[in-house]
Amino acid sequence: MTFEIQIAGRTLFACSTDGAAPSHAEWIRHKRNVVMRFGRSSYAMGRLLQKEGKTIEERHGLTLADFTMHGGGVPIVLTGTGLVGSVVSSGLDQRTEHSLVVKARAGVLGVAVPELP
């Protein structure tokens, strides 16, 4: 697994576990691009496109070379400020990655998070 936290375009934290693939860094970049472009999680954006039956190219004119609608990227939003950064993971299935990041953020903030259905 690989993780990254960015605020205002600066990487505050990045790490990879033993056995993480070098491609995880590229997946993180793609997911971060989605989060920062849309201000929503990469999982939510992927589910939205799936529901519409469209690709990112069809819906937004963006390429898969830079954007991945796959779970694991979650925005950091400050009340009164807006979108300031992202927390992104790579290396597991998309639903697990999304849940992992959301639960970790909730734990830091001391809030409960319901399980995904």
PDB file of N, CA and C in Angstrom:
ATOM      1  N   MET A   1       0.839  -1.175   0.000  1.00  0.00           N
ATOM      2  CA  MET A   1       0.000   0.000   0.000  1.00  0.00           C
ATOM      3  C   MET A   1       0.884   1.238   0.000  1.00  0.00           C
ATOM      4  N   THR A   2       0.325   2.292  -0.556  1.00  0.00           N
ATOM      5  CA  THR A   2       0.995   3.579  -0.577  1.00  0.00           C
ATOM      6  C   THR A   2      -0.006   4.636  -0.132  1.00  0.00           C
ATOM      7  N   PHE A   3       0.470   5.607   0.645  1.00  0.00           N
ATOM      8  CA  PHE A   3      -0.383   6.681   1.164  1.00  0.00           C
ATOM      9  C   PHE A   3       0.277   8.023   0.912  1.00  0.00           C
ATOM     10  N   GLU A   4      -0.574   9.045   0.766  1.00  0.00           N
ATOM     11  CA  GLU A   4      -0.068  10.401   0.607  1.00  0.00           C
ATOM     12  C   GLU A   4      -1.078  11.383   1.198  1.00  0.00           C
ATOM     13  N   ILE A   5      -0.564  12.404   1.857  1.00  0.00           N
ATOM     14  CA  ILE A   5      -1.385  13.516   2.330  1.00  0.00           C
ATOM     15  C   ILE A   5      -0.774  14.786   1.763  1.00  0.00           C
ATOM     16  N   GLN A   6      -1.602  15.574   1.064  1.00  0.00           N
ATOM     17  CA  GLN A   6      -1.150  16.851   0.524  1.00  0.00           C
ATOM     18  C   GLN A   6      -2.062  17.964   1.002  1.00  0.00           C
ATOM     19  N   ILE A   7      -1.462  19.097   1.309  1.00  0.00           N
ATOM     20  CA  ILE A   7      -2.185  20.320   1.651  1.00  0.00           C
ATOM     21  C   ILE A   7      -1.582  21.437   0.805  1.00  0.00           C
ATOM     22  N   ALA A   8      -2.431  22.213   0.162  1.00  0.00           N
ATOM     23  CA  ALA A   8      -1.991  23.356  -0.644  1.00  0.00           C
ATOM     24  C   ALA A   8      -0.874  22.983  -1.624  1.00  0.00           C
ATOM     25  N   GLY A   9      -1.004  21.801  -2.241  1.00  0.00           N
ATOM     26  CA  GLY A   9      -0.038  21.374  -3.238  1.00  0.00           C
ATOM     27  C   GLY A   9       1.287  20.876  -2.696  1.00  0.00           C
ATOM     28  N   ARG A  10       1.392  20.771  -1.380  1.00  0.00           N
ATOM     29  CA  ARG A  10       2.636  20.291  -0.759  1.00  0.00           C
ATOM     30  C   ARG A  10       2.389  18.948  -0.081  1.00  0.00           C
ATOM     31  N   THR A  11       3.287  18.026  -0.302  1.00  0.00           N
ATOM     32  CA  THR A  11       3.168  16.718   0.317  1.00  0.00           C
ATOM     33  C   THR A  11       3.618  16.808   1.769  1.00  0.00           C
ATOM     34  N   LEU A  12       2.691  16.496   2.685  1.00  0.00           N
ATOM     35  CA  LEU A  12       3.000  16.501   4.108  1.00  0.00           C
ATOM     36  C   LEU A  12       3.432  15.126   4.594  1.00  0.00           C
ATOM     37  N   PHE A  13       2.921  14.087   3.930  1.00  0.00           N
ATOM     38  CA  PHE A  13       3.209  12.727   4.358  1.00  0.00           C
ATOM     39  C   PHE A  13       3.087  11.807   3.154  1.00  0.00           C
ATOM     40  N   ALA A  14       4.016  10.898   3.022  1.00  0.00           N
ATOM     41  CA  ALA A  14       3.959   9.872   1.982  1.00  0.00           C
ATOM     42  C   ALA A  14       4.703   8.657   2.490  1.00  0.00           C
ATOM     43  N   CYS A  15       4.133   7.495   2.273  1.00  0.00           N
ATOM     44  CA  CYS A  15       4.818   6.258   2.664  1.00  0.00           C
ATOM     45  C   CYS A  15       4.296   5.101   1.838  1.00  0.00           C
ATOM     46  N   SER A  16       5.101   4.061   1.780  1.00  0.00           N
ATOM     47  CA  SER A  16       4.719   2.822   1.112  1.00  0.00           C
ATOM     48  C   SER A  16       5.079   1.660   2.017  1.00  0.00           C
ATOM     49  N   THR A  17       4.249   0.654   2.026  1.00  0.00           N
ATOM     50  CA  THR A  17       4.530  -0.542   2.797  1.00  0.00           C
ATOM     51  C   THR A  17       5.450  -1.461   1.986  1.00  0.00           C
ATOM     52  N   ASP A  18       6.058  -2.412   2.657  1.00  0.00           N
ATOM     53  CA  ASP A  18       6.887  -3.390   1.955  1.00  0.00           C
ATOM     54  C   ASP A  18       6.050  -4.075   0.884  1.00  0.00           C
ATOM     55  N   GLY A  19       6.625  -4.214  -0.289  1.00  0.00           N
ATOM     56  CA  GLY A  19       5.940  -4.892  -1.383  1.00  0.00           C
ATOM     57  C   GLY A  19       5.043  -3.996  -2.223  1.00  0.00           C
ATOM     58  N   ALA A  20       4.952  -2.715  -1.898  1.00  0.00           N
ATOM     59  CA  ALA A  20       4.116  -1.806  -2.688  1.00  0.00           C
ATOM     60  C   ALA A  20       4.696  -1.671  -4.095  1.00  0.00           C
ATOM     61  N   ALA A  21       3.824  -1.638  -5.059  1.00  0.00           N
ATOM     62  CA  ALA A  21       4.257  -1.516  -6.452  1.00  0.00           C
ATOM     63  C   ALA A  21       4.623  -0.071  -6.772  1.00  0.00           C
ATOM     64  N   PRO A  22       5.647   0.135  -7.603  1.00  0.00           N
ATOM     65  CA  PRO A  22       6.002   1.494  -8.009  1.00  0.00           C
ATOM     66  C   PRO A  22       4.843   2.237  -8.674  1.00  0.00           C
ATOM     67  N   SER A  23       3.927   1.504  -9.300  1.00  0.00           N
ATOM     68  CA  SER A  23       2.789   2.132  -9.983  1.00  0.00           C
ATOM     69  C   SER A  23       1.811   2.787  -9.016  1.00  0.00           C
ATOM     70  N   HIS A  24       1.894   2.457  -7.727  1.00  0.00           N
ATOM     71  CA  HIS A  24       0.980   3.069  -6.753  1.00  0.00           C
ATOM     72  C   HIS A  24       1.130   4.582  -6.728  1.00  0.00           C
ATOM     73  N   ALA A  25       2.338   5.091  -6.905  1.00  0.00           N
ATOM     74  CA  ALA A  25       2.555   6.536  -6.902  1.00  0.00           C
ATOM     75  C   ALA A  25       1.802   7.199  -8.050  1.00  0.00           C
ATOM     76  N   GLU A  26       1.754   6.542  -9.188  1.00  0.00           N
ATOM     77  CA  GLU A  26       1.025   7.092 -10.332  1.00  0.00           C
ATOM     78  C   GLU A  26      -0.486   7.036 -10.097  1.00  0.00           C
ATOM     79  N   TRP A  27      -0.955   5.945  -9.498  1.00  0.00           N
ATOM     80  CA  TRP A  27      -2.384   5.847  -9.141  1.00  0.00           C
ATOM     81  C   TRP A  27      -2.751   6.960  -8.161  1.00  0.00           C
ATOM     82  N   ILE A  28      -1.886   7.237  -7.217  1.00  0.00           N
ATOM     83  CA  ILE A  28      -2.144   8.306  -6.249  1.00  0.00           C
ATOM     84  C   ILE A  28      -2.244   9.652  -6.964  1.00  0.00           C
ATOM     85  N   ARG A  29      -1.356   9.908  -7.881  1.00  0.00           N
ATOM     86  CA  ARG A  29      -1.405  11.169  -8.634  1.00  0.00           C
ATOM     87  C   ARG A  29      -2.736  11.300  -9.368  1.00  0.00           C
ATOM     88  N   HIS A  30      -3.169  10.239 -10.013  1.00  0.00           N
ATOM     89  CA  HIS A  30      -4.439  10.262 -10.764  1.00  0.00           C
ATOM     90  C   HIS A  30      -5.627  10.519  -9.841  1.00  0.00           C
ATOM     91  N   LYS A  31      -5.660   9.839  -8.700  1.00  0.00           N
ATOM     92  CA  LYS A  31      -6.767  10.008  -7.752  1.00  0.00           C
ATOM     93  C   LYS A  31      -6.747  11.413  -7.143  1.00  0.00           C
ATOM     94  N   ARG A  32      -5.548  11.900  -6.808  1.00  0.00           N
ATOM     95  CA  ARG A  32      -5.417  13.261  -6.273  1.00  0.00           C
ATOM     96  C   ARG A  32      -5.938  14.272  -7.278  1.00  0.00           C
ATOM     97  N   ASN A  33      -5.644  14.074  -8.550  1.00  0.00           N
ATOM     98  CA  ASN A  33      -6.138  14.978  -9.587  1.00  0.00           C
ATOM     99  C   ASN A  33      -7.666  15.028  -9.594  1.00  0.00           C
ATOM    100  N   VAL A  34      -8.312  13.890  -9.417  1.00  0.00           N
ATOM    101  CA  VAL A  34      -9.781  13.835  -9.368  1.00  0.00           C
ATOM    102  C   VAL A  34     -10.287  14.624  -8.166  1.00  0.00           C
ATOM    103  N   VAL A  35      -9.723  14.343  -7.004  1.00  0.00           N
ATOM    104  CA  VAL A  35     -10.151  15.020  -5.773  1.00  0.00           C
ATOM    105  C   VAL A  35      -9.996  16.526  -5.903  1.00  0.00           C
ATOM    106  N   MET A  36      -8.864  16.979  -6.376  1.00  0.00           N
ATOM    107  CA  MET A  36      -8.605  18.411  -6.443  1.00  0.00           C
ATOM    108  C   MET A  36      -9.410  19.085  -7.562  1.00  0.00           C
ATOM    109  N   ARG A  37      -9.737  18.372  -8.594  1.00  0.00           N
ATOM    110  CA  ARG A  37     -10.538  18.936  -9.693  1.00  0.00           C
ATOM    111  C   ARG A  37     -12.014  19.074  -9.307  1.00  0.00           C
ATOM    112  N   PHE A  38     -12.547  18.039  -8.616  1.00  0.00           N
ATOM    113  CA  PHE A  38     -13.982  17.990  -8.357  1.00  0.00           C
ATOM    114  C   PHE A  38     -14.361  18.260  -6.900  1.00  0.00           C
ATOM    115  N   GLY A  39     -13.392  18.229  -5.989  1.00  0.00           N
ATOM    116  CA  GLY A  39     -13.695  18.462  -4.579  1.00  0.00           C
ATOM    117  C   GLY A  39     -14.515  17.362  -3.948  1.00  0.00           C
ATOM    118  N   ARG A  40     -14.470  16.191  -4.537  1.00  0.00           N
ATOM    119  CA  ARG A  40     -15.196  15.016  -4.035  1.00  0.00           C
ATOM    120  C   ARG A  40     -14.242  13.827  -4.053  1.00  0.00           C
ATOM    121  N   SER A  41     -14.630  12.770  -3.369  1.00  0.00           N
ATOM    122  CA  SER A  41     -13.773  11.590  -3.353  1.00  0.00           C
ATOM    123  C   SER A  41     -13.720  10.954  -4.747  1.00  0.00           C
ATOM    124  N   SER A  42     -12.607  10.323  -5.023  1.00  0.00           N
ATOM    125  CA  SER A  42     -12.457   9.633  -6.306  1.00  0.00           C
ATOM    126  C   SER A  42     -13.444   8.471  -6.404  1.00  0.00           C
ATOM    127  N   TYR A  43     -13.794   7.876  -5.277  1.00  0.00           N
ATOM    128  CA  TYR A  43     -14.787   6.795  -5.253  1.00  0.00           C
ATOM    129  C   TYR A  43     -16.166   7.328  -5.637  1.00  0.00           C
ATOM    130  N   ALA A  44     -16.572   8.453  -5.041  1.00  0.00           N
ATOM    131  CA  ALA A  44     -17.873   9.049  -5.361  1.00  0.00           C
ATOM    132  C   ALA A  44     -17.949   9.428  -6.832  1.00  0.00           C
ATOM    133  N   MET A  45     -16.891   9.989  -7.354  1.00  0.00           N
ATOM    134  CA  MET A  45     -16.890  10.386  -8.766  1.00  0.00           C
ATOM    135  C   MET A  45     -16.981   9.166  -9.677  1.00  0.00           C
ATOM    136  N   GLY A  46     -16.285   8.095  -9.320  1.00  0.00           N
ATOM    137  CA  GLY A  46     -16.355   6.870 -10.105  1.00  0.00           C
ATOM    138  C   GLY A  46     -17.750   6.259 -10.084  1.00  0.00           C
ATOM    139  N   ARG A  47     -18.372   6.260  -8.914  1.00  0.00           N
ATOM    140  CA  ARG A  47     -19.735   5.720  -8.787  1.00  0.00           C
ATOM    141  C   ARG A  47     -20.723   6.566  -9.586  1.00  0.00           C
ATOM    142  N   LEU A  48     -20.544   7.883  -9.559  1.00  0.00           N
ATOM    143  CA  LEU A  48     -21.414   8.782 -10.313  1.00  0.00           C
ATOM    144  C   LEU A  48     -21.317   8.498 -11.808  1.00  0.00           C
ATOM    145  N   LEU A  49     -20.097   8.381 -12.311  1.00  0.00           N
ATOM    146  CA  LEU A  49     -19.916   8.078 -13.734  1.00  0.00           C
ATOM    147  C   LEU A  49     -20.495   6.711 -14.089  1.00  0.00           C
ATOM    148  N   GLN A  50     -20.303   5.737 -13.197  1.00  0.00           N
ATOM    149  CA  GLN A  50     -20.853   4.409 -13.440  1.00  0.00           C
ATOM    150  C   GLN A  50     -22.379   4.475 -13.526  1.00  0.00           C
ATOM    151  N   LYS A  51     -22.980   5.221 -12.637  1.00  0.00           N
ATOM    152  CA  LYS A  51     -24.440   5.379 -12.628  1.00  0.00           C
ATOM    153  C   LYS A  51     -24.928   6.027 -13.926  1.00  0.00           C
ATOM    154  N   GLU A  52     -24.179   7.006 -14.425  1.00  0.00           N
ATOM    155  CA  GLU A  52     -24.527   7.691 -15.669  1.00  0.00           C
ATOM    156  C   GLU A  52     -24.171   6.870 -16.904  1.00  0.00           C
ATOM    157  N   GLY A  53     -23.352   5.830 -16.723  1.00  0.00           N
ATOM    158  CA  GLY A  53     -22.922   5.014 -17.852  1.00  0.00           C
ATOM    159  C   GLY A  53     -21.951   5.747 -18.766  1.00  0.00           C
ATOM    160  N   LYS A  54     -21.138   6.630 -18.180  1.00  0.00           N
ATOM    161  CA  LYS A  54     -20.200   7.423 -18.973  1.00  0.00           C
ATOM    162  C   LYS A  54     -18.775   7.241 -18.467  1.00  0.00           C
ATOM    163  N   THR A  55     -17.839   7.604 -19.317  1.00  0.00           N
ATOM    164  CA  THR A  55     -16.430   7.608 -18.931  1.00  0.00           C
ATOM    165  C   THR A  55     -16.040   9.038 -18.588  1.00  0.00           C
ATOM    166  N   ILE A  56     -14.892   9.194 -17.983  1.00  0.00           N
ATOM    167  CA  ILE A  56     -14.412  10.539 -17.647  1.00  0.00           C
ATOM    168  C   ILE A  56     -14.140  11.348 -18.914  1.00  0.00           C
ATOM    169  N   GLU A  57     -13.761  10.653 -19.971  1.00  0.00           N
ATOM    170  CA  GLU A  57     -13.539  11.340 -21.238  1.00  0.00           C
ATOM    171  C   GLU A  57     -14.844  11.895 -21.784  1.00  0.00           C
ATOM    172  N   GLU A  58     -15.893  11.065 -21.772  1.00  0.00           N
ATOM    173  CA  GLU A  58     -17.195  11.489 -22.293  1.00  0.00           C
ATOM    174  C   GLU A  58     -17.817  12.605 -21.450  1.00  0.00           C
ATOM    175  N   ARG A  59     -17.753  12.464 -20.149  1.00  0.00           N
ATOM    176  CA  ARG A  59     -18.458  13.388 -19.256  1.00  0.00           C
ATOM    177  C   ARG A  59     -17.717  14.710 -19.048  1.00  0.00           C
ATOM    178  N   HIS A  60     -16.383  14.633 -18.937  1.00  0.00           N
ATOM    179  CA  HIS A  60     -15.622  15.831 -18.572  1.00  0.00           C
ATOM    180  C   HIS A  60     -14.501  16.195 -19.543  1.00  0.00           C
ATOM    181  N   GLY A  61     -14.275  15.386 -20.573  1.00  0.00           N
ATOM    182  CA  GLY A  61     -13.210  15.667 -21.529  1.00  0.00           C
ATOM    183  C   GLY A  61     -11.819  15.484 -20.954  1.00  0.00           C
ATOM    184  N   LEU A  62     -11.698  14.683 -19.892  1.00  0.00           N
ATOM    185  CA  LEU A  62     -10.399  14.448 -19.244  1.00  0.00           C
ATOM    186  C   LEU A  62      -9.868  13.079 -19.645  1.00  0.00           C
ATOM    187  N   THR A  63      -8.554  12.899 -19.563  1.00  0.00           N
ATOM    188  CA  THR A  63      -7.956  11.644 -20.010  1.00  0.00           C
ATOM    189  C   THR A  63      -7.603  10.732 -18.845  1.00  0.00           C
ATOM    190  N   LEU A  64      -7.595   9.446 -19.124  1.00  0.00           N
ATOM    191  CA  LEU A  64      -7.189   8.454 -18.130  1.00  0.00           C
ATOM    192  C   LEU A  64      -5.696   8.532 -17.836  1.00  0.00           C
ATOM    193  N   ALA A  65      -4.958   9.261 -18.638  1.00  0.00           N
ATOM    194  CA  ALA A  65      -3.530   9.450 -18.384  1.00  0.00           C
ATOM    195  C   ALA A  65      -3.298  10.302 -17.145  1.00  0.00           C
ATOM    196  N   ASP A  66      -4.323  11.079 -16.736  1.00  0.00           N
ATOM    197  CA  ASP A  66      -4.161  11.975 -15.592  1.00  0.00           C
ATOM    198  C   ASP A  66      -5.237  11.852 -14.523  1.00  0.00           C
ATOM    199  N   PHE A  67      -6.340  11.164 -14.812  1.00  0.00           N
ATOM    200  CA  PHE A  67      -7.455  11.084 -13.882  1.00  0.00           C
ATOM    201  C   PHE A  67      -7.952   9.649 -13.778  1.00  0.00           C
ATOM    202  N   THR A  68      -8.131   9.174 -12.542  1.00  0.00           N
ATOM    203  CA  THR A  68      -8.630   7.826 -12.290  1.00  0.00           C
ATOM    204  C   THR A  68      -9.805   7.901 -11.338  1.00  0.00           C
ATOM    205  N   MET A  69     -10.959   7.482 -11.791  1.00  0.00           N
ATOM    206  CA  MET A  69     -12.157   7.471 -10.957  1.00  0.00           C
ATOM    207  C   MET A  69     -12.214   6.148 -10.201  1.00  0.00           C
ATOM    208  N   HIS A  70     -11.281   5.980  -9.286  1.00  0.00           N
ATOM    209  CA  HIS A  70     -11.130   4.743  -8.527  1.00  0.00           C
ATOM    210  C   HIS A  70     -10.963   5.125  -7.059  1.00  0.00           C
ATOM    211  N   GLY A  71     -11.609   4.419  -6.172  1.00  0.00           N
ATOM    212  CA  GLY A  71     -11.597   4.759  -4.749  1.00  0.00           C
ATOM    213  C   GLY A  71     -10.215   4.888  -4.142  1.00  0.00           C
ATOM    214  N   GLY A  72     -10.134   5.724  -3.101  1.00  0.00           N
ATOM    215  CA  GLY A  72      -8.887   5.893  -2.370  1.00  0.00           C
ATOM    216  C   GLY A  72      -8.491   7.338  -2.181  1.00  0.00           C
ATOM    217  N   GLY A  73      -9.064   8.251  -2.961  1.00  0.00           N
ATOM    218  CA  GLY A  73      -8.756   9.670  -2.824  1.00  0.00           C
ATOM    219  C   GLY A  73      -9.899  10.398  -2.138  1.00  0.00           C
ATOM    220  N   VAL A  74      -9.592  11.123  -1.062  1.00  0.00           N
ATOM    221  CA  VAL A  74     -10.608  11.819  -0.277  1.00  0.00           C
ATOM    222  C   VAL A  74     -10.158  13.267  -0.060  1.00  0.00           C
ATOM    223  N   PRO A  75     -11.074  14.230  -0.257  1.00  0.00           N
ATOM    224  CA  PRO A  75     -10.695  15.638  -0.080  1.00  0.00           C
ATOM    225  C   PRO A  75     -10.535  16.031   1.382  1.00  0.00           C
ATOM    226  N   ILE A  76      -9.713  17.027   1.603  1.00  0.00           N
ATOM    227  CA  ILE A  76      -9.603  17.696   2.902  1.00  0.00           C
ATOM    228  C   ILE A  76     -10.238  19.067   2.703  1.00  0.00           C
ATOM    229  N   VAL A  77     -11.339  19.301   3.408  1.00  0.00           N
ATOM    230  CA  VAL A  77     -12.100  20.533   3.263  1.00  0.00           C
ATOM    231  C   VAL A  77     -12.178  21.220   4.621  1.00  0.00           C
ATOM    232  N   LEU A  78     -11.855  22.506   4.664  1.00  0.00           N
ATOM    233  CA  LEU A  78     -11.950  23.288   5.891  1.00  0.00           C
ATOM    234  C   LEU A  78     -13.174  24.191   5.836  1.00  0.00           C
ATOM    235  N   THR A  79     -13.956  24.181   6.894  1.00  0.00           N
ATOM    236  CA  THR A  79     -15.106  25.062   6.983  1.00  0.00           C
ATOM    237  C   THR A  79     -14.645  26.508   6.853  1.00  0.00           C
ATOM    238  N   GLY A  80     -15.302  27.254   5.987  1.00  0.00           N
ATOM    239  CA  GLY A  80     -14.953  28.647   5.782  1.00  0.00           C
ATOM    240  C   GLY A  80     -13.827  28.872   4.800  1.00  0.00           C
ATOM    241  N   THR A  81     -13.148  27.794   4.410  1.00  0.00           N
ATOM    242  CA  THR A  81     -12.035  27.903   3.464  1.00  0.00           C
ATOM    243  C   THR A  81     -12.314  27.118   2.196  1.00  0.00           C
ATOM    244  N   GLY A  82     -12.760  25.880   2.352  1.00  0.00           N
ATOM    245  CA  GLY A  82     -13.026  25.018   1.204  1.00  0.00           C
ATOM    246  C   GLY A  82     -11.973  23.940   1.049  1.00  0.00           C
ATOM    247  N   LEU A  83     -11.836  23.453  -0.155  1.00  0.00           N
ATOM    248  CA  LEU A  83     -10.909  22.368  -0.474  1.00  0.00           C
ATOM    249  C   LEU A  83      -9.467  22.845  -0.309  1.00  0.00           C
ATOM    250  N   VAL A  84      -8.704  22.136   0.545  1.00  0.00           N
ATOM    251  CA  VAL A  84      -7.313  22.524   0.771  1.00  0.00           C
ATOM    252  C   VAL A  84      -6.318  21.408   0.472  1.00  0.00           C
ATOM    253  N   GLY A  85      -6.805  20.191   0.283  1.00  0.00           N
ATOM    254  CA  GLY A  85      -5.869  19.106   0.039  1.00  0.00           C
ATOM    255  C   GLY A  85      -6.555  17.769  -0.114  1.00  0.00           C
ATOM    256  N   SER A  86      -5.753  16.713   0.016  1.00  0.00           N
ATOM    257  CA  SER A  86      -6.264  15.359  -0.186  1.00  0.00           C
ATOM    258  C   SER A  86      -5.497  14.344   0.646  1.00  0.00           C
ATOM    259  N   VAL A  87      -6.189  13.241   0.918  1.00  0.00           N
ATOM    260  CA  VAL A  87      -5.583  12.047   1.490  1.00  0.00           C
ATOM    261  C   VAL A  87      -5.858  10.952   0.478  1.00  0.00           C
ATOM    262  N   VAL A  88      -4.809  10.245   0.048  1.00  0.00           N
ATOM    263  CA  VAL A  88      -4.973   9.257  -1.011  1.00  0.00           C
ATOM    264  C   VAL A  88      -4.233   7.973  -0.652  1.00  0.00           C
ATOM    265  N   SER A  89      -4.872   6.846  -0.982  1.00  0.00           N
ATOM    266  CA  SER A  89      -4.227   5.544  -0.794  1.00  0.00           C
ATOM    267  C   SER A  89      -4.277   4.769  -2.097  1.00  0.00           C
ATOM    268  N   SER A  90      -3.397   3.788  -2.221  1.00  0.00           N
ATOM    269  CA  SER A  90      -3.376   2.919  -3.389  1.00  0.00           C
ATOM    270  C   SER A  90      -2.825   1.565  -2.972  1.00  0.00           C
ATOM    271  N   GLY A  91      -3.365   0.523  -3.579  1.00  0.00           N
ATOM    272  CA  GLY A  91      -2.825  -0.810  -3.342  1.00  0.00           C
ATOM    273  C   GLY A  91      -3.843  -1.863  -2.963  1.00  0.00           C
ATOM    274  N   LEU A  92      -5.087  -1.465  -2.702  1.00  0.00           N
ATOM    275  CA  LEU A  92      -6.150  -2.413  -2.370  1.00  0.00           C
ATOM    276  C   LEU A  92      -7.313  -2.187  -3.333  1.00  0.00           C
ATOM    277  N   ASP A  93      -8.390  -2.956  -3.158  1.00  0.00           N
ATOM    278  CA  ASP A  93      -9.563  -2.695  -3.989  1.00  0.00           C
ATOM    279  C   ASP A  93     -10.130  -1.328  -3.616  1.00  0.00           C
ATOM    280  N   GLN A  94     -10.824  -0.703  -4.552  1.00  0.00           N
ATOM    281  CA  GLN A  94     -11.223   0.696  -4.387  1.00  0.00           C
ATOM    282  C   GLN A  94     -12.143   0.948  -3.207  1.00  0.00           C
ATOM    283  N   ARG A  95     -13.039   0.057  -2.926  1.00  0.00           N
ATOM    284  CA  ARG A  95     -13.968   0.249  -1.805  1.00  0.00           C
ATOM    285  C   ARG A  95     -13.221   0.195  -0.465  1.00  0.00           C
ATOM    286  N   THR A  96     -12.287  -0.749  -0.351  1.00  0.00           N
ATOM    287  CA  THR A  96     -11.487  -0.873   0.859  1.00  0.00           C
ATOM    288  C   THR A  96     -10.601   0.352   1.047  1.00  0.00           C
ATOM    289  N   GLU A  97      -9.987   0.816  -0.033  1.00  0.00           N
ATOM    290  CA  GLU A  97      -9.148   2.016   0.053  1.00  0.00           C
ATOM    291  C   GLU A  97      -9.953   3.215   0.520  1.00  0.00           C
ATOM    292  N   HIS A  98     -11.131   3.415  -0.068  1.00  0.00           N
ATOM    293  CA  HIS A  98     -11.978   4.542   0.317  1.00  0.00           C
ATOM    294  C   HIS A  98     -12.338   4.451   1.798  1.00  0.00           C
ATOM    295  N   SER A  99     -12.799   3.286   2.218  1.00  0.00           N
ATOM    296  CA  SER A  99     -13.186   3.101   3.620  1.00  0.00           C
ATOM    297  C   SER A  99     -12.016   3.321   4.567  1.00  0.00           C
ATOM    298  N   LEU A 100     -10.853   2.843   4.199  1.00  0.00           N
ATOM    299  CA  LEU A 100      -9.660   2.989   5.026  1.00  0.00           C
ATOM    300  C   LEU A 100      -9.327   4.466   5.260  1.00  0.00           C
ATOM    301  N   VAL A 101      -9.329   5.244   4.197  1.00  0.00           N
ATOM    302  CA  VAL A 101      -9.006   6.668   4.316  1.00  0.00           C
ATOM    303  C   VAL A 101     -10.083   7.402   5.117  1.00  0.00           C
ATOM    304  N   VAL A 102     -11.345   7.116   4.826  1.00  0.00           N
ATOM    305  CA  VAL A 102     -12.438   7.782   5.542  1.00  0.00           C
ATOM    306  C   VAL A 102     -12.387   7.441   7.034  1.00  0.00           C
ATOM    307  N   LYS A 103     -12.173   6.175   7.368  1.00  0.00           N
ATOM    308  CA  LYS A 103     -12.108   5.774   8.783  1.00  0.00           C
ATOM    309  C   LYS A 103     -10.908   6.407   9.492  1.00  0.00           C
ATOM    310  N   ALA A 104      -9.784   6.488   8.813  1.00  0.00           N
ATOM    311  CA  ALA A 104      -8.596   7.102   9.425  1.00  0.00           C
ATOM    312  C   ALA A 104      -8.844   8.582   9.706  1.00  0.00           C
ATOM    313  N   ARG A 105      -9.418   9.285   8.743  1.00  0.00           N
ATOM    314  CA  ARG A 105      -9.726  10.708   8.949  1.00  0.00           C
ATOM    315  C   ARG A 105     -10.748  10.883  10.058  1.00  0.00           C
ATOM    316  N   ALA A 106     -11.765  10.035  10.081  1.00  0.00           N
ATOM    317  CA  ALA A 106     -12.787  10.124  11.125  1.00  0.00           C
ATOM    318  C   ALA A 106     -12.168   9.893  12.496  1.00  0.00           C
ATOM    319  N   GLY A 107     -11.248   8.952  12.587  1.00  0.00           N
ATOM    320  CA  GLY A 107     -10.581   8.680  13.847  1.00  0.00           C
ATOM    321  C   GLY A 107      -9.795   9.877  14.347  1.00  0.00           C
ATOM    322  N   VAL A 108      -9.104  10.555  13.454  1.00  0.00           N
ATOM    323  CA  VAL A 108      -8.346  11.751  13.823  1.00  0.00           C
ATOM    324  C   VAL A 108      -9.296  12.851  14.309  1.00  0.00           C
ATOM    325  N   LEU A 109     -10.442  12.965  13.647  1.00  0.00           N
ATOM    326  CA  LEU A 109     -11.408  14.008  13.989  1.00  0.00           C
ATOM    327  C   LEU A 109     -12.344  13.620  15.139  1.00  0.00           C
ATOM    328  N   GLY A 110     -12.320  12.337  15.528  1.00  0.00           N
ATOM    329  CA  GLY A 110     -13.161  11.874  16.615  1.00  0.00           C
ATOM    330  C   GLY A 110     -14.630  11.786  16.253  1.00  0.00           C
ATOM    331  N   VAL A 111     -14.920  11.426  15.006  1.00  0.00           N
ATOM    332  CA  VAL A 111     -16.311  11.267  14.580  1.00  0.00           C
ATOM    333  C   VAL A 111     -16.559   9.833  14.131  1.00  0.00           C
ATOM    334  N   ALA A 112     -17.791   9.380  14.281  1.00  0.00           N
ATOM    335  CA  ALA A 112     -18.170   8.030  13.849  1.00  0.00           C
ATOM    336  C   ALA A 112     -18.520   8.047  12.360  1.00  0.00           C
ATOM    337  N   VAL A 113     -18.196   6.978  11.683  1.00  0.00           N
ATOM    338  CA  VAL A 113     -18.493   6.851  10.266  1.00  0.00           C
ATOM    339  C   VAL A 113     -19.257   5.557  10.046  1.00  0.00           C
ATOM    340  N   PRO A 114     -20.412   5.625   9.371  1.00  0.00           N
ATOM    341  CA  PRO A 114     -21.147   4.397   9.085  1.00  0.00           C
ATOM    342  C   PRO A 114     -20.412   3.553   8.042  1.00  0.00           C
ATOM    343  N   GLU A 115     -20.634   2.266   8.088  1.00  0.00           N
ATOM    344  CA  GLU A 115     -20.046   1.355   7.081  1.00  0.00           C
ATOM    345  C   GLU A 115     -20.705   1.593   5.733  1.00  0.00           C
ATOM    346  N   LEU A 116     -19.937   1.422   4.650  1.00  0.00           N
ATOM    347  CA  LEU A 116     -20.525   1.503   3.322  1.00  0.00           C
ATOM    348  C   LEU A 116     -21.444   0.306   3.115  1.00  0.00           C
ATOM    349  N   PRO A 117     -22.623   0.531   2.512  1.00  0.00           N
ATOM    350  CA  PRO A 117     -23.526  -0.605   2.259  1.00  0.00           C
ATOM    351  C   PRO A 117     -22.973  -1.532   1.179  1.00  0.00           C
TER     352      PRO A 117
END
